[in-house]
Each structure stands twice: as C-alpha cells, then as structure tokens.
C-alpha cells in the first residue's frame, strides 16, 4: 500500500515545480482514495457477552483459519463474528481488524445500529434483520443475506424449574404463557404476537429479559437453539432450556452491514460481499450455523406453532 506523503516533500513540489501541479493533484487524489485509511484498522462492533463467549470459544485459535464451528461456547452470534472476519479476508481486505463492544445492559440492539450507522464503527460482527436495516439504507451498505428468509427457527426458553412452561406442548398451551421481549426486537415481537401470546412483556435488554424469566416474572424468552446436549444455554448464572417439541419461525432475512461514513466503506462492503459469496458457495455459512446449533437437526421434527 502507498505510504502517506511527507508534508515537506509536498511543499517542495508546490514551490519549486509549479508545472507539476497536475502531478500534485494526482498524488492528492491517490491519498484520498486509498492511503488516507491504509493504516486505520477496521472496527467490528459486537455485544459484550458475544465477545466474551467468542474468546472462550476460540481458546487462542486464529479465527481466520478456523474450519470447525462446534464446541464449548459456540452459538450463532459467536460464529457470525468469525464468519464476518473470514469474509473480509477472503474478499481482499488487508487492513487490521479491531473488535469493539457495546454493553449488553442497555438497549444494546438500537445502540449497535446507531454506532455503526453514524460511523463510530466500520461494521457489525453480527447479523441484523433486514427490516431494521432498510430505514438506514442511506447510512449503511447492506450485505447479501447471512440468514435467508425461512431459515430462522427459535425455541421458547425457560428455566428448568418452571414446570408450567415446560408442559406447554402445543400452541394453545403456549398462548397461556407470559413471554418477555426487548421492545426494539421487531421480528421477535411480531412472532410472539402471531402465536398469539396474550401476555407479552417488553423490556430494554437481553440481561433484563433473562432476569425476568429467572425470577419467573415471565415464563419464556425466544432464543436460537444451542449445540449443547440438552439444547440449553447459561446466562446470568442461570440455566435455560427450551420448551420441548415446539418451535417458532421468525420471518425475514438477516444481514451484515457496513457504515457508509467509515473510511474506505465502499471497498469494505465489496470485500465483505465477495467473501460471503465464497463462504456461501463452499458451504461454510451453512456448516457454521449447523455446527453452532442454530440449524439444529434435533429440533427438525418439533411442531412449528406460528
């Protein structure tokens, strides 16, 4: 990559070689289209809890050379953080990668969208629903779908001690439960309303959601299926398990996105899409979601209740 020009050299060209103004213009143009961001890292934003599990999942391994996506601490969000880095590399990105986090105790989803759309981070390390990205189309480049329409199935998760929720084996029984959802999660709200669950509580964050289920102020929360033997996950020192034999389908596709305000954004977006095409065509995306438990063969026969 071309290095930034020395200021003294630029002044000398202007003073001693007036006839070289056209050359100087070309040099300045080159700086604006490439080297001005050559040394600036690409900041990828993710949630704090995802980043913590990502580090535990990697165990010091290089995310760019990873070929297996199963194992302890693997889940959809974690493998997406790996996939987006692999896609950028395969698409030709040579800039350094810097992972940054947004705190999960606030309305982290909306903040996640805002930090990227305003250019405070280059792109998101986790996919976002297309319905939330379309209003931001003038601020972000939207990638090809990582999760396509009809591919997102989720479980209704509760705590092992909630016998009422665990016994809800059909749609009619699920309708009588109390669910909790973040008020900014539009597809989740639409899904729960389509069942319909009549007692639907809304809060601001994932931490608040799992806290309410832990205290049995709510019975269930929507969550992707996990690769663990019993499909469970742990959050806030509490184990969560899916209500057996029922699942829901969320409508829409999910995409990665790049801030248009970030330096070199068009080049990054092109690299991301090129890399995602490679990962799609060689089966890596499907395998990553399957090995992380998101595409889960064990729940294939469960009843879809919406």
Protein backbone atom coordinates (compact mmCIF):
# COMPACT_ATOMS: atom_id res chain seq x y z
CA UNK A 1 0.00 0.00 0.00
CA UNK A 2 1.17 3.53 -0.71
CA UNK A 3 2.52 5.36 2.35
CA UNK A 4 1.31 8.79 3.48
CA UNK A 5 3.30 11.58 1.88
CA UNK A 6 5.83 13.67 3.78
CA UNK A 7 4.49 17.22 4.21
CA UNK A 8 7.89 18.79 3.37
CA UNK A 9 8.04 16.96 0.05
CA UNK A 10 4.56 18.20 -0.84
CA UNK A 11 5.57 21.82 -0.09
CA UNK A 12 8.72 21.49 -2.21
CA UNK A 13 6.70 20.28 -5.17
CA UNK A 14 4.35 23.25 -4.88
CA UNK A 15 7.09 25.89 -4.55
CA UNK A 16 9.84 24.68 -6.88
CA UNK A 17 7.79 22.93 -9.55
CA UNK A 18 4.68 24.95 -10.46
CA UNK A 19 4.42 22.96 -13.67
CA UNK A 20 3.91 19.85 -11.61
CA UNK A 21 0.56 20.93 -10.18
CA UNK A 22 -1.17 18.23 -12.17
CA UNK A 23 1.13 15.66 -10.58
CA UNK A 24 0.36 17.01 -7.14
CA UNK A 25 -3.35 16.75 -7.89
CA UNK A 26 -2.90 13.12 -8.82
CA UNK A 27 -0.95 12.46 -5.63
CA UNK A 28 -3.63 14.10 -3.51
CA UNK A 29 -6.31 12.11 -5.31
CA UNK A 30 -4.43 8.89 -4.59
CA UNK A 31 -4.22 9.81 -0.92
CA UNK A 32 -7.96 10.42 -0.70
CA UNK A 33 -8.90 7.18 -2.39
CA UNK A 34 -6.53 4.83 -0.60
CA UNK A 35 -3.61 5.66 1.71
CA UNK A 36 -5.54 8.05 3.95
CA UNK A 37 -7.10 4.96 5.56
CA UNK A 38 -4.40 2.44 4.74
CA UNK A 39 -3.19 2.20 8.33
CA UNK A 40 -6.55 2.63 10.03
CA UNK A 41 -7.97 -0.62 11.44
CA UNK A 42 -11.42 -1.91 10.59
CA UNK A 43 -13.51 -1.74 13.76
CA UNK A 44 -16.07 -4.53 14.08
CA UNK A 45 -18.75 -3.99 16.71
CA UNK A 46 -20.33 -6.77 18.75
CA UNK A 47 -22.10 -7.26 22.07
CA UNK A 48 -20.02 -7.67 25.24
CA UNK A 49 -21.49 -11.09 26.06
CA UNK A 50 -20.84 -12.28 22.50
CA UNK A 51 -17.23 -11.10 22.68
CA UNK A 52 -16.69 -12.90 26.00
CA UNK A 53 -18.03 -16.18 24.59
CA UNK A 54 -16.07 -15.61 21.37
CA UNK A 55 -12.79 -15.50 23.32
CA UNK A 56 -13.75 -18.64 25.27
CA UNK A 57 -14.74 -20.38 22.04
CA UNK A 58 -11.50 -19.53 20.23
CA UNK A 59 -9.18 -20.55 23.08
CA UNK A 60 -6.35 -18.71 21.36
CA UNK A 61 -7.09 -20.05 17.88
CA UNK A 62 -6.88 -17.83 14.81
CA UNK A 63 -10.45 -17.00 13.65
CA UNK A 64 -9.26 -16.70 10.05
CA UNK A 65 -8.06 -20.30 9.92
CA UNK A 66 -10.99 -21.84 11.79
CA UNK A 67 -12.71 -24.69 9.95
CA UNK A 68 -14.82 -26.16 12.78
CA UNK A 69 -17.57 -24.17 14.47
CA UNK A 70 -18.78 -26.56 17.15
CA UNK A 71 -17.56 -26.87 20.71
CA UNK A 72 -17.96 -25.14 24.03
CA UNK A 73 -19.33 -21.56 23.90
CA UNK A 74 -20.28 -21.87 20.22
CA UNK A 75 -23.55 -20.18 19.25
CA UNK A 76 -24.97 -18.20 16.34
CA UNK A 77 -23.62 -14.80 17.42
CA UNK A 78 -20.17 -16.20 18.15
CA UNK A 79 -19.73 -17.96 14.80
CA UNK A 80 -21.03 -14.88 12.96
CA UNK A 81 -18.19 -12.88 14.48
CA UNK A 82 -15.82 -15.44 12.99
CA UNK A 83 -17.62 -15.53 9.62
CA UNK A 84 -17.53 -11.76 9.10
CA UNK A 85 -13.74 -11.71 9.65
CA UNK A 86 -13.22 -14.63 7.29
CA UNK A 87 -15.41 -12.97 4.66
CA UNK A 88 -13.43 -9.73 4.78
CA UNK A 89 -10.15 -11.63 4.39
CA UNK A 90 -11.42 -13.76 1.50
CA UNK A 91 -12.82 -10.63 -0.16
CA UNK A 92 -9.41 -8.98 -0.21
CA UNK A 93 -9.34 -6.79 2.91
CA UNK A 94 -5.77 -6.19 4.11
CA UNK A 95 -6.48 -3.73 6.90
CA UNK A 96 -6.07 -4.77 10.52
CA UNK A 97 -9.19 -5.84 12.44
CA UNK A 98 -10.16 -4.36 15.80
CA UNK A 99 -13.10 -5.79 17.75
CA UNK A 100 -15.07 -3.35 19.92
CA UNK A 101 -18.09 -3.97 22.12
CA UNK A 102 -21.36 -2.36 23.13
CA UNK A 103 -22.65 -3.03 26.63
CA UNK A 104 -25.49 -5.55 26.83
CA UNK A 105 -27.09 -3.95 29.89
CA UNK A 106 -28.55 -1.05 27.87
CA UNK A 107 -30.76 -1.08 24.77
CA UNK A 108 -27.79 -2.64 23.02
CA UNK A 109 -29.53 -3.53 19.77
CA UNK A 110 -30.51 0.05 18.92
CA UNK A 111 -27.16 1.33 20.11
CA UNK A 112 -25.45 -1.30 17.97
CA UNK A 113 -27.29 0.02 14.91
CA UNK A 114 -26.59 3.65 15.82
CA UNK A 115 -22.85 3.25 16.45
CA UNK A 116 -22.34 1.69 13.03
CA UNK A 117 -24.75 3.84 11.02
CA UNK A 118 -23.04 7.00 12.35
CA UNK A 119 -19.56 5.71 11.53
CA UNK A 120 -18.27 5.14 15.06
CA UNK A 121 -17.55 1.56 13.97
CA UNK A 122 -16.95 0.19 10.49
CA UNK A 123 -19.35 -2.74 10.52
CA UNK A 124 -21.30 -5.14 12.67
CA UNK A 125 -19.93 -8.50 13.67
CA UNK A 126 -23.42 -9.94 13.99
CA UNK A 127 -26.28 -10.08 11.51
CA UNK A 128 -29.30 -7.80 11.80
CA UNK A 129 -32.84 -8.13 10.50
CA UNK A 130 -33.38 -6.54 7.09
CA UNK A 131 -36.48 -4.75 8.40
CA UNK A 132 -34.21 -2.78 10.77
CA UNK A 133 -31.61 -2.02 8.09
CA UNK A 134 -33.89 -0.76 5.33
CA UNK A 135 -34.58 2.59 7.06
CA UNK A 136 -30.79 3.05 7.31
CA UNK A 137 -30.05 2.30 3.65
CA UNK A 138 -28.66 5.82 3.10
CA UNK A 139 -26.25 5.33 6.00
CA UNK A 140 -25.09 1.72 5.60
CA UNK A 141 -24.23 -0.82 2.94
CA UNK A 142 -26.35 -3.95 3.44
CA UNK A 143 -24.70 -7.29 2.69
CA UNK A 144 -26.13 -10.33 0.99
CA UNK A 145 -28.22 -12.35 3.49
CA UNK A 146 -26.33 -14.41 6.02
CA UNK A 147 -29.59 -15.99 7.24
CA UNK A 148 -32.14 -16.28 4.47
CA UNK A 149 -35.93 -16.00 4.64
CA UNK A 150 -37.41 -19.04 6.38
CA UNK A 151 -34.15 -20.22 7.94
CA UNK A 152 -34.54 -18.68 11.40
CA UNK A 153 -36.25 -21.07 13.83
CA UNK A 154 -36.12 -20.40 17.55
CA UNK A 155 -37.09 -22.06 20.80
CA UNK A 156 -39.17 -20.81 23.70
CA UNK A 157 -36.65 -20.91 26.54
CA UNK A 158 -37.46 -21.11 30.24
CA UNK A 159 -35.75 -22.20 33.47
CA UNK A 160 -35.73 -25.89 34.48
CA UNK A 161 -37.94 -25.17 37.50
CA UNK A 162 -40.82 -23.67 35.52
CA UNK A 163 -42.96 -26.79 35.16
CA UNK A 164 -45.90 -24.85 33.71
CA UNK A 165 -43.84 -23.59 30.80
CA UNK A 166 -42.14 -26.96 30.21
CA UNK A 167 -45.54 -28.64 29.96
CA UNK A 168 -46.76 -26.31 27.20
CA UNK A 169 -46.57 -28.87 24.42
CA UNK A 170 -48.86 -27.21 21.87
CA UNK A 171 -49.92 -23.82 20.59
CA UNK A 172 -52.95 -23.49 22.88
CA UNK A 173 -50.83 -24.09 25.97
CA UNK A 174 -48.09 -21.70 24.80
CA UNK A 175 -50.70 -18.96 24.28
CA UNK A 176 -51.39 -19.00 28.03
CA UNK A 177 -47.76 -18.33 28.98
CA UNK A 178 -46.14 -14.96 29.67
CA UNK A 179 -43.29 -14.05 27.32
CA UNK A 180 -40.76 -11.23 27.52
CA UNK A 181 -39.05 -9.48 24.62
CA UNK A 182 -36.93 -6.40 24.02
CA UNK A 183 -39.11 -3.57 22.74
CA UNK A 184 -36.72 -2.90 19.83
CA UNK A 185 -36.78 -6.51 18.53
CA UNK A 186 -39.48 -6.11 15.89
CA UNK A 187 -39.43 -9.62 14.33
CA UNK A 188 -39.48 -11.25 17.77
CA UNK A 189 -42.46 -9.15 18.82
CA UNK A 190 -44.29 -9.94 15.58
CA UNK A 191 -43.55 -13.66 16.03
CA UNK A 192 -44.84 -13.80 19.60
CA UNK A 193 -47.93 -11.80 18.63
CA UNK A 194 -48.61 -14.21 15.76
CA UNK A 195 -48.94 -17.22 18.10
CA UNK A 196 -50.53 -15.21 19.76
CA UNK A 197 -49.11 -14.99 23.28
CA UNK A 198 -51.52 -12.66 25.01
CA UNK A 199 -49.29 -11.82 27.98
CA UNK A 200 -46.31 -10.16 26.29
CA UNK A 201 -43.97 -8.08 28.45
CA UNK A 202 -41.46 -5.66 26.90
CA UNK A 203 -38.15 -4.51 28.31
CA UNK A 204 -34.94 -2.92 27.02
CA UNK A 205 -32.17 -5.51 27.07
CA UNK A 206 -31.25 -9.19 26.94
CA UNK A 207 -29.99 -9.07 30.53
CA UNK A 208 -33.36 -7.76 31.67
CA UNK A 209 -35.19 -10.44 29.67
CA UNK A 210 -33.31 -13.38 31.15
CA UNK A 211 -33.56 -11.81 34.60
CA UNK A 212 -37.35 -11.70 34.36
CA UNK A 213 -37.52 -15.35 33.26
CA UNK A 214 -35.12 -16.35 36.05
CA UNK A 215 -37.40 -14.71 38.62
CA UNK A 216 -40.48 -16.20 36.88
CA UNK A 217 -41.93 -12.77 36.24
CA UNK A 218 -42.13 -14.16 32.69
CA UNK A 219 -42.27 -17.78 31.54
CA UNK A 220 -40.37 -17.78 28.28
CA UNK A 221 -37.99 -15.88 26.04
CA UNK A 222 -37.25 -16.51 22.38
CA UNK A 223 -33.71 -17.76 21.70
CA UNK A 224 -31.91 -19.72 18.97
CA UNK A 225 -31.36 -23.41 19.59
CA UNK A 226 -27.99 -24.32 21.06
CA UNK A 227 -25.40 -27.05 20.26
CA UNK A 228 -25.38 -28.37 23.85
CA UNK A 229 -26.63 -31.95 24.51
CA UNK A 230 -29.91 -30.70 26.03
CA UNK A 231 -30.12 -27.57 23.82
CA UNK A 232 -29.62 -25.42 26.92
CA UNK A 233 -27.60 -22.27 27.49
CA UNK A 234 -26.44 -20.41 30.58
CA UNK A 235 -26.84 -16.69 31.16
CA UNK A 236 -26.54 -14.71 34.35
CA UNK A 237 -25.51 -17.92 36.22
CA UNK A 238 -28.87 -19.42 35.30
CA UNK A 239 -29.55 -22.39 33.03
CA UNK A 240 -32.23 -22.03 30.33
CA UNK A 241 -33.85 -24.93 28.46
CA UNK A 242 -36.31 -24.96 25.55
CA UNK A 243 -39.95 -25.90 25.97
CA UNK A 244 -39.86 -29.39 24.39
CA UNK A 245 -41.32 -30.22 20.98
CA UNK A 246 -42.40 -26.69 19.98
CA UNK A 247 -40.60 -24.01 17.99
CA UNK A 248 -41.38 -20.77 16.17
CA UNK A 249 -40.30 -19.35 12.82
CA UNK A 250 -39.17 -15.74 12.53
CA UNK A 251 -39.93 -14.00 9.25
CA UNK A 252 -37.30 -12.08 7.34
CA UNK A 253 -33.63 -12.30 6.46
CA UNK A 254 -30.59 -11.20 8.43
CA UNK A 255 -27.63 -9.29 7.01
CA UNK A 256 -24.27 -7.82 7.96
CA UNK A 257 -23.80 -4.11 7.29
CA UNK A 258 -21.05 -1.53 6.77
CA UNK A 259 -21.19 2.14 7.74
CA UNK A 260 -21.12 4.46 4.73
CA UNK A 261 -19.44 7.08 6.96
CA UNK A 262 -16.40 4.93 7.73
CA UNK A 263 -13.20 5.43 5.75
CA UNK A 264 -12.99 3.09 2.79
CA UNK A 265 -16.52 1.83 3.38
CA UNK A 266 -17.32 1.03 -0.26
CA UNK A 267 -14.19 -1.11 -0.51
CA UNK A 268 -15.04 -2.86 2.76
CA UNK A 269 -18.60 -3.56 1.63
CA UNK A 270 -17.34 -5.02 -1.63
CA UNK A 271 -14.83 -7.23 0.21
CA UNK A 272 -17.50 -8.38 2.66
CA UNK A 273 -19.96 -9.38 -0.07
CA UNK A 274 -17.27 -11.10 -2.14
CA UNK A 275 -16.14 -13.07 0.89
CA UNK A 276 -19.68 -14.00 1.88
CA UNK A 277 -20.28 -15.32 -1.64
CA UNK A 278 -17.22 -17.56 -1.28
CA UNK A 279 -18.32 -18.79 2.14
CA UNK A 280 -21.84 -19.43 0.85
CA UNK A 281 -20.65 -21.33 -2.21
CA UNK A 282 -18.18 -23.54 -0.33
CA UNK A 283 -20.77 -24.42 2.32
CA UNK A 284 -19.05 -22.67 5.24
CA UNK A 285 -22.01 -20.46 6.20
CA UNK A 286 -24.46 -23.36 6.35
CA UNK A 287 -21.95 -25.54 8.22
CA UNK A 288 -21.15 -22.81 10.75
CA UNK A 289 -24.81 -22.32 11.58
CA UNK A 290 -25.35 -26.08 11.77
CA UNK A 291 -22.31 -26.81 13.94
CA UNK A 292 -23.19 -23.92 16.28
CA UNK A 293 -26.62 -25.47 16.83
CA UNK A 294 -28.55 -22.69 15.10
CA UNK A 295 -29.59 -25.02 12.27
CA UNK A 296 -30.46 -27.88 14.59
CA UNK A 297 -31.28 -31.36 13.30
CA UNK A 298 -32.58 -32.40 16.73
CA UNK A 299 -35.47 -29.93 16.53
CA UNK A 300 -36.34 -30.58 12.88
CA UNK A 301 -39.41 -32.62 13.88
CA UNK A 302 -40.67 -30.19 16.52
CA UNK A 303 -44.03 -28.52 15.92
CA UNK A 304 -43.93 -25.08 14.33
CA UNK A 305 -46.65 -23.19 16.19
CA UNK A 306 -46.88 -19.97 14.19
